[in-house]
Structures are given as C-alpha cells and as structure tokens.
Protein backbone atom coordinates (compact mmCIF):
# COMPACT_ATOMS: atom_id res chain seq x y z
CA MET A 1 -20.23 13.14 -1.32
CA ALA A 2 -19.78 9.88 0.63
CA CYS A 3 -16.33 10.99 1.82
CA VAL A 4 -17.79 14.28 3.07
CA ALA A 5 -20.44 12.35 4.97
CA ALA A 6 -17.80 10.03 6.45
CA PHE A 7 -15.72 13.00 7.55
CA ALA A 8 -18.73 14.74 9.15
CA PHE A 9 -19.78 11.57 10.93
CA ALA A 10 -16.27 10.92 12.24
CA ALA A 11 -15.90 14.54 13.36
CA TRP A 12 -19.19 14.26 15.25
CA LEU A 13 -18.06 11.07 16.97
CA CYS A 14 -14.69 12.60 17.82
CA ALA A 15 -16.50 15.43 19.60
CA ALA A 16 -18.48 12.97 21.76
CA THR A 17 -17.80 12.46 25.45
CA PRO A 18 -16.13 10.74 27.17
CA PRO A 19 -12.89 11.60 25.36
CA MET A 20 -11.59 8.92 23.01
CA ASP A 21 -7.98 7.86 22.84
CA ASP A 22 -6.01 8.42 19.62
CA ALA A 23 -6.38 4.85 18.32
CA ARG A 24 -10.15 4.91 18.78
CA ILE A 25 -10.50 8.30 17.07
CA ILE A 26 -8.55 6.98 14.08
CA GLY A 27 -10.52 3.71 14.04
CA VAL A 28 -13.91 5.44 14.17
CA TYR A 29 -12.90 7.77 11.33
CA ILE A 30 -11.75 4.91 9.09
CA ALA A 31 -14.80 2.75 9.91
CA ALA A 32 -17.14 5.59 8.92
CA GLN A 33 -15.36 6.00 5.60
CA ALA A 34 -15.43 2.25 4.94
CA ARG A 35 -19.20 2.18 5.55
CA ALA A 36 -19.71 5.19 3.26
CA GLU A 37 -17.77 3.37 0.49
CA GLN A 38 -19.53 0.07 1.17
CA GLY A 39 -16.18 -1.57 1.79
CA GLU A 40 -14.04 -2.54 4.73
CA GLU A 41 -10.63 -1.67 6.06
CA TYR A 42 -7.79 -4.12 5.56
CA ALA A 43 -6.64 -3.52 9.14
CA ASP A 44 -3.26 -5.29 8.87
CA ALA A 45 -2.15 -2.72 6.30
CA ARG A 46 -2.75 0.34 8.54
CA ARG A 47 0.39 2.37 9.27
CA VAL A 48 0.70 5.40 11.56
CA ALA A 49 3.49 7.99 11.64
CA GLU A 50 3.75 10.77 14.18
CA GLY A 51 5.25 14.26 14.00
CA ASP A 52 4.41 17.96 13.85
CA LEU A 53 2.54 18.47 10.57
CA ASN A 54 1.39 22.08 11.03
CA ASN A 55 4.31 23.72 12.86
CA ASP A 56 2.44 24.24 16.14
CA GLY A 57 4.84 22.22 18.30
CA ARG A 58 2.32 19.41 18.91
CA SER A 59 2.61 15.82 17.71
CA ASP A 60 0.10 15.03 14.96
CA LYS A 61 -0.60 11.72 13.20
CA ALA A 62 -0.52 10.62 9.57
CA VAL A 63 -2.34 7.37 8.84
CA LEU A 64 -2.06 5.18 5.74
CA TYR A 65 -5.00 2.78 5.49
CA THR A 66 -6.66 0.62 2.87
CA ILE A 67 -10.37 0.29 2.08
CA GLU A 68 -11.20 -2.77 -0.02
CA GLY A 69 -14.17 -4.56 -1.51
CA GLN A 70 -16.12 -1.40 -2.31
CA ASN A 71 -19.62 -2.40 -3.46
CA GLY A 72 -18.62 -6.08 -3.55
CA THR A 73 -15.72 -5.59 -5.98
CA ASN A 74 -12.10 -6.69 -5.65
CA ASN A 75 -10.95 -3.07 -5.77
CA TYR A 76 -8.89 -1.40 -3.05
CA THR A 77 -7.76 2.15 -2.38
CA GLN A 78 -4.97 3.34 -0.11
CA TYR A 79 -5.70 6.57 1.74
CA LEU A 80 -3.67 9.03 3.75
CA ALA A 81 -5.56 10.73 6.58
CA VAL A 82 -4.13 13.48 8.76
CA PHE A 83 -5.16 14.05 12.35
CA LEU A 84 -3.95 17.26 14.00
CA ARG A 85 -3.63 17.70 17.76
CA SER A 86 -5.63 20.59 19.23
CA ALA A 87 -4.35 22.89 21.96
CA GLU A 88 -6.41 20.76 24.38
CA GLY A 89 -4.49 17.67 23.29
CA LYS A 90 -7.32 16.06 21.34
CA LEU A 91 -6.64 14.44 17.97
CA GLU A 92 -8.93 15.83 15.24
CA PRO A 93 -9.36 14.59 11.65
CA VAL A 94 -8.47 17.25 9.08
CA ALA A 95 -8.25 15.68 5.61
CA HIS A 96 -7.79 12.49 3.65
CA VAL A 97 -6.73 11.71 0.09
CA ALA A 98 -6.22 8.61 -2.05
CA VAL A 99 -2.48 7.91 -2.37
CA GLY A 100 -2.52 4.45 -3.94
CA GLY A 101 -4.66 1.54 -4.99
CA LYS A 102 -5.39 -1.03 -7.64
CA LEU A 103 -4.15 0.16 -11.04
CA TYR A 104 -3.02 3.50 -9.50
CA ARG A 105 0.16 2.83 -7.52
CA ALA A 106 1.39 1.18 -4.32
CA ALA A 107 2.30 3.47 -1.43
CA GLU A 108 4.27 2.74 1.73
CA LEU A 109 4.34 5.30 4.55
CA THR A 110 7.96 5.86 5.52
CA GLY A 111 7.55 8.64 8.09
CA VAL A 112 7.05 12.27 8.95
CA ARG A 113 9.97 14.62 8.39
CA ASP A 114 10.25 18.41 8.32
CA GLY A 115 6.47 18.85 8.46
CA GLY A 116 5.78 16.49 5.54
CA ILE A 117 4.54 12.92 5.17
CA GLU A 118 6.90 10.74 3.16
CA PHE A 119 6.18 7.66 1.08
CA SER A 120 8.03 5.18 -1.04
CA ILE A 121 5.88 4.36 -4.06
CA LYS A 122 5.72 1.95 -6.96
CA ASP A 123 4.04 3.09 -10.16
CA TYR A 124 2.91 0.90 -13.02
CA GLY A 125 5.25 0.42 -15.93
CA PRO A 126 3.92 -0.23 -19.43
CA HIS A 127 4.11 -4.02 -19.06
CA ASP A 128 3.27 -4.44 -15.36
CA ALA A 129 0.44 -6.74 -14.33
CA ALA A 130 -2.35 -5.32 -12.13
CA CYS A 131 -0.80 -7.00 -9.10
CA CYS A 132 2.67 -5.70 -9.47
CA PRO A 133 3.70 -2.08 -10.08
CA SER A 134 7.47 -1.94 -10.50
CA LEU A 135 8.66 1.65 -10.99
CA LYS A 136 10.14 2.75 -7.67
CA GLY A 137 10.03 6.31 -6.43
CA THR A 138 9.14 8.58 -3.55
CA THR A 139 6.55 11.23 -2.87
CA ARG A 140 5.62 13.58 -0.09
CA TYR A 141 2.40 15.20 1.13
CA VAL A 142 2.00 18.35 3.19
CA VAL A 143 -0.95 19.81 5.06
CA ALA A 144 -2.27 22.95 3.34
CA GLY A 145 -5.07 24.38 5.45
CA ARG A 146 -7.66 21.61 5.63
CA ALA A 147 -6.33 19.72 2.59
CA LEU A 148 -3.37 17.56 1.62
CA GLN A 149 -1.11 18.50 -1.26
CA GLU A 150 1.25 16.12 -2.97
CA GLN A 151 4.66 17.42 -3.80
CA LYS A 152 5.71 15.93 -7.11
CA PRO A 153 6.83 12.29 -7.03
CA THR A 154 10.56 11.85 -7.58
CA SER A 155 13.23 9.37 -8.64
CA ARG A 156 11.16 6.82 -10.52
CA THR A 157 13.46 4.04 -11.56
CA SER A 158 13.13 0.89 -13.54
CA PRO A 159 13.07 -2.31 -11.44
CA ARG A 160 15.93 -3.76 -13.46
C-alpha cells in the first residue's frame, strides 16, 4: 500500500508545472518512496541506464536505487524503477520492483539492451555471510504494460 501511495504522489508531482527535468522527476519519485517506507535513499548507489524500453523510438530510463534504514532498521532494498518518455518528451514513472537487498541478492545495473534492463547479480550461497553473496549470475527485466517482469536469472557460478 505504501508503494502505491509513493507512486501516486510521485505521479502527481511529475504532472506539476513548471516542467521538471529528468533528474528531478527521478529524485522526487525516489524521495516519495523513501518517505513511504520510513527510510532514506543511499544516493551514491543510484545508477541510471538509458534506452528504448517500450519500442516507441524514444529514450526511456531505468534506475537502480537503494532505500535503507526502513523504520530505523539496518535493512536495505535495491529497487529498479522504469520511467518512460511520453510523446511530449516528458519522463513518466511506470513501475518499480525490488531486485536486490539484504539477504536477497546484490544487483548491479549493467545497461539497457534490446528493450530489456540487464543486471549482474550475486546470490547467496549456503555458507555466505549476510554481507557477502558470492554466486555470480545475470538477470534481465522487461516492461510488460505497467509492470516489470524478470526473465529467469542465468549462469550462476560458484565464486571459486
């Protein structure tokens, strides 16, 4: 419910005038989600990749960002958010999904290719500490309507 509220709030702000630049639209969206989760963004970890994500010939943006300290904890979650460019040239938030985080996996945005968002990932092996997932692999997300779908992770390998 909090994520829905964050999305609605960010969409409302993105519709405000005067027009916001891309970086501000992304920042407002993430800040609203961080407030809804009672956490804050770890801004140095934010990564942005650009490319056509919905086959309309316009350059869209995929953003990997981290919200940490939810409700005063030492938890963190990595999210992927997609912003599509409208015919008028305005960037609009479409969807977000958790792609990594503490005791889930580590995700690194590697780029946009062929309409998909690509990541290198590290999953937790049976003996990995909470700090250090070690099983390397890749995954890819695609825009499906107003949602993000993960295509199955591939090539998980042992760190040794």
